Amino acid sequence: MSNEANLARRMVAEGLGTAMLLATVVGSGIMAERLSNGNVAVALLATTIATGAALVALI
């Protein structure tokens, strides 16, 4: 495999990984805000747990 093809492949993998992480963090924040009914502590806890679980699944 040539260096250019290898570089392109690595860049696509990095882009997909970054997109999945971004979707995870934004999605968990939205989910936590909807479930917490204005309680900041519950929102932070839900965001932390959901983000941590998604990171474990992605890694």
PDB file of N, CA and C in Angstrom:
ATOM      1  N   MET A   1       0.853  -1.172   0.000  1.00  0.00           N
ATOM      2  CA  MET A   1       0.000   0.000   0.000  1.00  0.00           C
ATOM      3  C   MET A   1       0.899   1.235   0.000  1.00  0.00           C
ATOM      4  N   SER A   2       0.567   2.205  -0.810  1.00  0.00           N
ATOM      5  CA  SER A   2       1.393   3.404  -0.909  1.00  0.00           C
ATOM      6  C   SER A   2       1.192   4.305   0.306  1.00  0.00           C
ATOM      7  N   ASN A   3       2.130   5.211   0.489  1.00  0.00           N
ATOM      8  CA  ASN A   3       2.046   6.144   1.616  1.00  0.00           C
ATOM      9  C   ASN A   3       0.837   7.056   1.508  1.00  0.00           C
ATOM     10  N   GLU A   4       0.496   7.460   0.278  1.00  0.00           N
ATOM     11  CA  GLU A   4      -0.664   8.356   0.093  1.00  0.00           C
ATOM     12  C   GLU A   4      -1.959   7.649   0.462  1.00  0.00           C
ATOM     13  N   ALA A   5      -2.102   6.394   0.065  1.00  0.00           N
ATOM     14  CA  ALA A   5      -3.316   5.637   0.393  1.00  0.00           C
ATOM     15  C   ALA A   5      -3.384   5.399   1.901  1.00  0.00           C
ATOM     16  N   ASN A   6      -2.232   5.110   2.503  1.00  0.00           N
ATOM     17  CA  ASN A   6      -2.193   4.891   3.944  1.00  0.00           C
ATOM     18  C   ASN A   6      -2.568   6.160   4.701  1.00  0.00           C
ATOM     19  N   LEU A   7      -2.063   7.293   4.245  1.00  0.00           N
ATOM     20  CA  LEU A   7      -2.391   8.567   4.879  1.00  0.00           C
ATOM     21  C   LEU A   7      -3.872   8.880   4.750  1.00  0.00           C
ATOM     22  N   ALA A   8      -4.433   8.655   3.567  1.00  0.00           N
ATOM     23  CA  ALA A   8      -5.860   8.914   3.353  1.00  0.00           C
ATOM     24  C   ALA A   8      -6.704   8.025   4.254  1.00  0.00           C
ATOM     25  N   ARG A   9      -6.298   6.784   4.378  1.00  0.00           N
ATOM     26  CA  ARG A   9      -7.038   5.846   5.218  1.00  0.00           C
ATOM     27  C   ARG A   9      -6.999   6.261   6.690  1.00  0.00           C
ATOM     28  N   ARG A  10      -5.837   6.689   7.151  1.00  0.00           N
ATOM     29  CA  ARG A  10      -5.696   7.137   8.535  1.00  0.00           C
ATOM     30  C   ARG A  10      -6.502   8.411   8.781  1.00  0.00           C
ATOM     31  N   MET A  11      -6.524   9.307   7.802  1.00  0.00           N
ATOM     32  CA  MET A  11      -7.289  10.552   7.971  1.00  0.00           C
ATOM     33  C   MET A  11      -8.784  10.284   8.027  1.00  0.00           C
ATOM     34  N   VAL A  12      -9.269   9.350   7.221  1.00  0.00           N
ATOM     35  CA  VAL A  12     -10.688   8.985   7.261  1.00  0.00           C
ATOM     36  C   VAL A  12     -11.029   8.363   8.612  1.00  0.00           C
ATOM     37  N   ALA A  13     -10.154   7.498   9.124  1.00  0.00           N
ATOM     38  CA  ALA A  13     -10.389   6.868  10.421  1.00  0.00           C
ATOM     39  C   ALA A  13     -10.421   7.913  11.532  1.00  0.00           C
ATOM     40  N   GLU A  14      -9.512   8.866  11.500  1.00  0.00           N
ATOM     41  CA  GLU A  14      -9.494   9.940  12.504  1.00  0.00           C
ATOM     42  C   GLU A  14     -10.762  10.788  12.417  1.00  0.00           C
ATOM     43  N   GLY A  15     -11.191  11.093  11.207  1.00  0.00           N
ATOM     44  CA  GLY A  15     -12.405  11.889  11.014  1.00  0.00           C
ATOM     45  C   GLY A  15     -13.638  11.180  11.547  1.00  0.00           C
ATOM     46  N   LEU A  16     -13.746   9.886  11.263  1.00  0.00           N
ATOM     47  CA  LEU A  16     -14.894   9.118  11.754  1.00  0.00           C
ATOM     48  C   LEU A  16     -14.871   9.008  13.278  1.00  0.00           C
ATOM     49  N   GLY A  17     -13.703   8.780  13.837  1.00  0.00           N
ATOM     50  CA  GLY A  17     -13.591   8.702  15.293  1.00  0.00           C
ATOM     51  C   GLY A  17     -13.964  10.005  15.964  1.00  0.00           C
ATOM     52  N   THR A  18     -13.489  11.104  15.395  1.00  0.00           N
ATOM     53  CA  THR A  18     -13.816  12.418  15.940  1.00  0.00           C
ATOM     54  C   THR A  18     -15.301  12.703  15.833  1.00  0.00           C
ATOM     55  N   ALA A  19     -15.903  12.341  14.712  1.00  0.00           N
ATOM     56  CA  ALA A  19     -17.342  12.557  14.537  1.00  0.00           C
ATOM     57  C   ALA A  19     -18.150  11.742  15.545  1.00  0.00           C
ATOM     58  N   MET A  20     -17.728  10.502  15.794  1.00  0.00           N
ATOM     59  CA  MET A  20     -18.448   9.679  16.761  1.00  0.00           C
ATOM     60  C   MET A  20     -18.311  10.234  18.181  1.00  0.00           C
ATOM     61  N   LEU A  21     -17.117  10.692  18.533  1.00  0.00           N
ATOM     62  CA  LEU A  21     -16.931  11.293  19.852  1.00  0.00           C
ATOM     63  C   LEU A  21     -17.759  12.564  20.013  1.00  0.00           C
ATOM     64  N   LEU A  22     -17.781  13.387  18.985  1.00  0.00           N
ATOM     65  CA  LEU A  22     -18.561  14.622  19.028  1.00  0.00           C
ATOM     66  C   LEU A  22     -20.052  14.316  19.180  1.00  0.00           C
ATOM     67  N   ALA A  23     -20.542  13.357  18.410  1.00  0.00           N
ATOM     68  CA  ALA A  23     -21.954  12.975  18.513  1.00  0.00           C
ATOM     69  C   ALA A  23     -22.274  12.423  19.896  1.00  0.00           C
ATOM     70  N   THR A  24     -21.346  11.682  20.475  1.00  0.00           N
ATOM     71  CA  THR A  24     -21.543  11.121  21.813  1.00  0.00           C
ATOM     72  C   THR A  24     -21.673  12.212  22.862  1.00  0.00           C
ATOM     73  N   VAL A  25     -20.752  13.160  22.832  1.00  0.00           N
ATOM     74  CA  VAL A  25     -20.756  14.212  23.849  1.00  0.00           C
ATOM     75  C   VAL A  25     -21.979  15.114  23.699  1.00  0.00           C
ATOM     76  N   VAL A  26     -22.288  15.514  22.482  1.00  0.00           N
ATOM     77  CA  VAL A  26     -23.446  16.381  22.261  1.00  0.00           C
ATOM     78  C   VAL A  26     -24.739  15.632  22.588  1.00  0.00           C
ATOM     79  N   GLY A  27     -24.829  14.393  22.149  1.00  0.00           N
ATOM     80  CA  GLY A  27     -26.029  13.591  22.413  1.00  0.00           C
ATOM     81  C   GLY A  27     -26.256  13.339  23.888  1.00  0.00           C
ATOM     82  N   SER A  28     -25.187  13.056  24.616  1.00  0.00           N
ATOM     83  CA  SER A  28     -25.362  12.812  26.049  1.00  0.00           C
ATOM     84  C   SER A  28     -25.761  14.092  26.776  1.00  0.00           C
ATOM     85  N   GLY A  29     -25.262  15.222  26.325  1.00  0.00           N
ATOM     86  CA  GLY A  29     -25.659  16.496  26.918  1.00  0.00           C
ATOM     87  C   GLY A  29     -27.127  16.800  26.688  1.00  0.00           C
ATOM     88  N   ILE A  30     -27.597  16.558  25.479  1.00  0.00           N
ATOM     89  CA  ILE A  30     -29.011  16.782  25.156  1.00  0.00           C
ATOM     90  C   ILE A  30     -29.894  15.826  25.956  1.00  0.00           C
ATOM     91  N   MET A  31     -29.489  14.557  26.012  1.00  0.00           N
ATOM     92  CA  MET A  31     -30.254  13.574  26.775  1.00  0.00           C
ATOM     93  C   MET A  31     -30.330  13.960  28.244  1.00  0.00           C
ATOM     94  N   ALA A  32     -29.207  14.360  28.810  1.00  0.00           N
ATOM     95  CA  ALA A  32     -29.182  14.717  30.229  1.00  0.00           C
ATOM     96  C   ALA A  32     -30.045  15.936  30.509  1.00  0.00           C
ATOM     97  N   GLU A  33     -30.005  16.909  29.635  1.00  0.00           N
ATOM     98  CA  GLU A  33     -30.805  18.119  29.837  1.00  0.00           C
ATOM     99  C   GLU A  33     -32.300  17.802  29.814  1.00  0.00           C
ATOM    100  N   ARG A  34     -32.699  16.917  28.919  1.00  0.00           N
ATOM    101  CA  ARG A  34     -34.117  16.557  28.830  1.00  0.00           C
ATOM    102  C   ARG A  34     -34.579  15.727  30.016  1.00  0.00           C
ATOM    103  N   LEU A  35     -33.710  14.868  30.519  1.00  0.00           N
ATOM    104  CA  LEU A  35     -34.102  13.988  31.618  1.00  0.00           C
ATOM    105  C   LEU A  35     -34.012  14.642  32.989  1.00  0.00           C
ATOM    106  N   SER A  36     -33.236  15.711  33.127  1.00  0.00           N
ATOM    107  CA  SER A  36     -32.963  16.276  34.447  1.00  0.00           C
ATOM    108  C   SER A  36     -34.026  17.248  34.944  1.00  0.00           C
ATOM    109  N   ASN A  37     -34.866  17.770  34.071  1.00  0.00           N
ATOM    110  CA  ASN A  37     -35.900  18.740  34.443  1.00  0.00           C
ATOM    111  C   ASN A  37     -35.317  19.942  35.192  1.00  0.00           C
ATOM    112  N   GLY A  38     -34.190  20.442  34.739  1.00  0.00           N
ATOM    113  CA  GLY A  38     -33.601  21.633  35.324  1.00  0.00           C
ATOM    114  C   GLY A  38     -32.667  21.399  36.496  1.00  0.00           C
ATOM    115  N   ASN A  39     -32.538  20.180  36.969  1.00  0.00           N
ATOM    116  CA  ASN A  39     -31.637  19.864  38.083  1.00  0.00           C
ATOM    117  C   ASN A  39     -30.222  19.701  37.525  1.00  0.00           C
ATOM    118  N   VAL A  40     -29.348  20.661  37.836  1.00  0.00           N
ATOM    119  CA  VAL A  40     -28.008  20.692  37.260  1.00  0.00           C
ATOM    120  C   VAL A  40     -27.182  19.488  37.701  1.00  0.00           C
ATOM    121  N   ALA A  41     -27.299  19.087  38.953  1.00  0.00           N
ATOM    122  CA  ALA A  41     -26.519  17.955  39.455  1.00  0.00           C
ATOM    123  C   ALA A  41     -26.879  16.665  38.723  1.00  0.00           C
ATOM    124  N   VAL A  42     -28.152  16.443  38.495  1.00  0.00           N
ATOM    125  CA  VAL A  42     -28.591  15.245  37.780  1.00  0.00           C
ATOM    126  C   VAL A  42     -28.127  15.305  36.330  1.00  0.00           C
ATOM    127  N   ALA A  43     -28.181  16.491  35.731  1.00  0.00           N
ATOM    128  CA  ALA A  43     -27.735  16.642  34.350  1.00  0.00           C
ATOM    129  C   ALA A  43     -26.245  16.327  34.217  1.00  0.00           C
ATOM    130  N   LEU A  44     -25.437  16.827  35.138  1.00  0.00           N
ATOM    131  CA  LEU A  44     -23.999  16.552  35.095  1.00  0.00           C
ATOM    132  C   LEU A  44     -23.708  15.068  35.300  1.00  0.00           C
ATOM    133  N   LEU A  45     -24.411  14.444  36.233  1.00  0.00           N
ATOM    134  CA  LEU A  45     -24.223  13.021  36.488  1.00  0.00           C
ATOM    135  C   LEU A  45     -24.612  12.189  35.270  1.00  0.00           C
ATOM    136  N   ALA A  46     -25.756  12.498  34.684  1.00  0.00           N
ATOM    137  CA  ALA A  46     -26.215  11.754  33.507  1.00  0.00           C
ATOM    138  C   ALA A  46     -25.262  11.947  32.328  1.00  0.00           C
ATOM    139  N   THR A  47     -24.763  13.169  32.141  1.00  0.00           N
ATOM    140  CA  THR A  47     -23.813  13.429  31.059  1.00  0.00           C
ATOM    141  C   THR A  47     -22.533  12.634  31.268  1.00  0.00           C
ATOM    142  N   THR A  48     -22.040  12.619  32.489  1.00  0.00           N
ATOM    143  CA  THR A  48     -20.806  11.906  32.791  1.00  0.00           C
ATOM    144  C   THR A  48     -20.952  10.408  32.564  1.00  0.00           C
ATOM    145  N   ILE A  49     -22.027   9.842  33.057  1.00  0.00           N
ATOM    146  CA  ILE A  49     -22.233   8.394  32.916  1.00  0.00           C
ATOM    147  C   ILE A  49     -22.421   8.009  31.453  1.00  0.00           C
ATOM    148  N   ALA A  50     -23.249   8.761  30.735  1.00  0.00           N
ATOM    149  CA  ALA A  50     -23.500   8.435  29.330  1.00  0.00           C
ATOM    150  C   ALA A  50     -22.247   8.600  28.483  1.00  0.00           C
ATOM    151  N   THR A  51     -21.495   9.667  28.710  1.00  0.00           N
ATOM    152  CA  THR A  51     -20.269   9.885  27.941  1.00  0.00           C
ATOM    153  C   THR A  51     -19.239   8.808  28.258  1.00  0.00           C
ATOM    154  N   GLY A  52     -19.085   8.475  29.518  1.00  0.00           N
ATOM    155  CA  GLY A  52     -18.143   7.420  29.902  1.00  0.00           C
ATOM    156  C   GLY A  52     -18.493   6.070  29.284  1.00  0.00           C
ATOM    157  N   ALA A  53     -19.755   5.727  29.308  1.00  0.00           N
ATOM    158  CA  ALA A  53     -20.191   4.450  28.728  1.00  0.00           C
ATOM    159  C   ALA A  53     -19.960   4.435  27.219  1.00  0.00           C
ATOM    160  N   ALA A  54     -20.238   5.539  26.560  1.00  0.00           N
ATOM    161  CA  ALA A  54     -20.032   5.597  25.114  1.00  0.00           C
ATOM    162  C   ALA A  54     -18.537   5.531  24.772  1.00  0.00           C
ATOM    163  N   LEU A  55     -17.706   6.168  25.571  1.00  0.00           N
ATOM    164  CA  LEU A  55     -16.261   6.099  25.317  1.00  0.00           C
ATOM    165  C   LEU A  55     -15.743   4.684  25.483  1.00  0.00           C
ATOM    166  N   VAL A  56     -16.233   3.969  26.491  1.00  0.00           N
ATOM    167  CA  VAL A  56     -15.842   2.568  26.668  1.00  0.00           C
ATOM    168  C   VAL A  56     -16.256   1.747  25.456  1.00  0.00           C
ATOM    169  N   ALA A  57     -17.458   1.985  24.959  1.00  0.00           N
ATOM    170  CA  ALA A  57     -17.942   1.253  23.799  1.00  0.00           C
ATOM    171  C   ALA A  57     -17.136   1.595  22.541  1.00  0.00           C
ATOM    172  N   LEU A  58     -16.791   2.863  22.370  1.00  0.00           N
ATOM    173  CA  LEU A  58     -16.027   3.264  21.184  1.00  0.00           C
ATOM    174  C   LEU A  58     -14.590   2.764  21.212  1.00  0.00           C
ATOM    175  N   ILE A  59     -14.007   2.785  22.380  1.00  0.00           N
ATOM    176  CA  ILE A  59     -12.602   2.373  22.484  1.00  0.00           C
ATOM    177  C   ILE A  59     -12.513   0.866  22.402  1.00  0.00           C
TER     178      ILE A  59
END
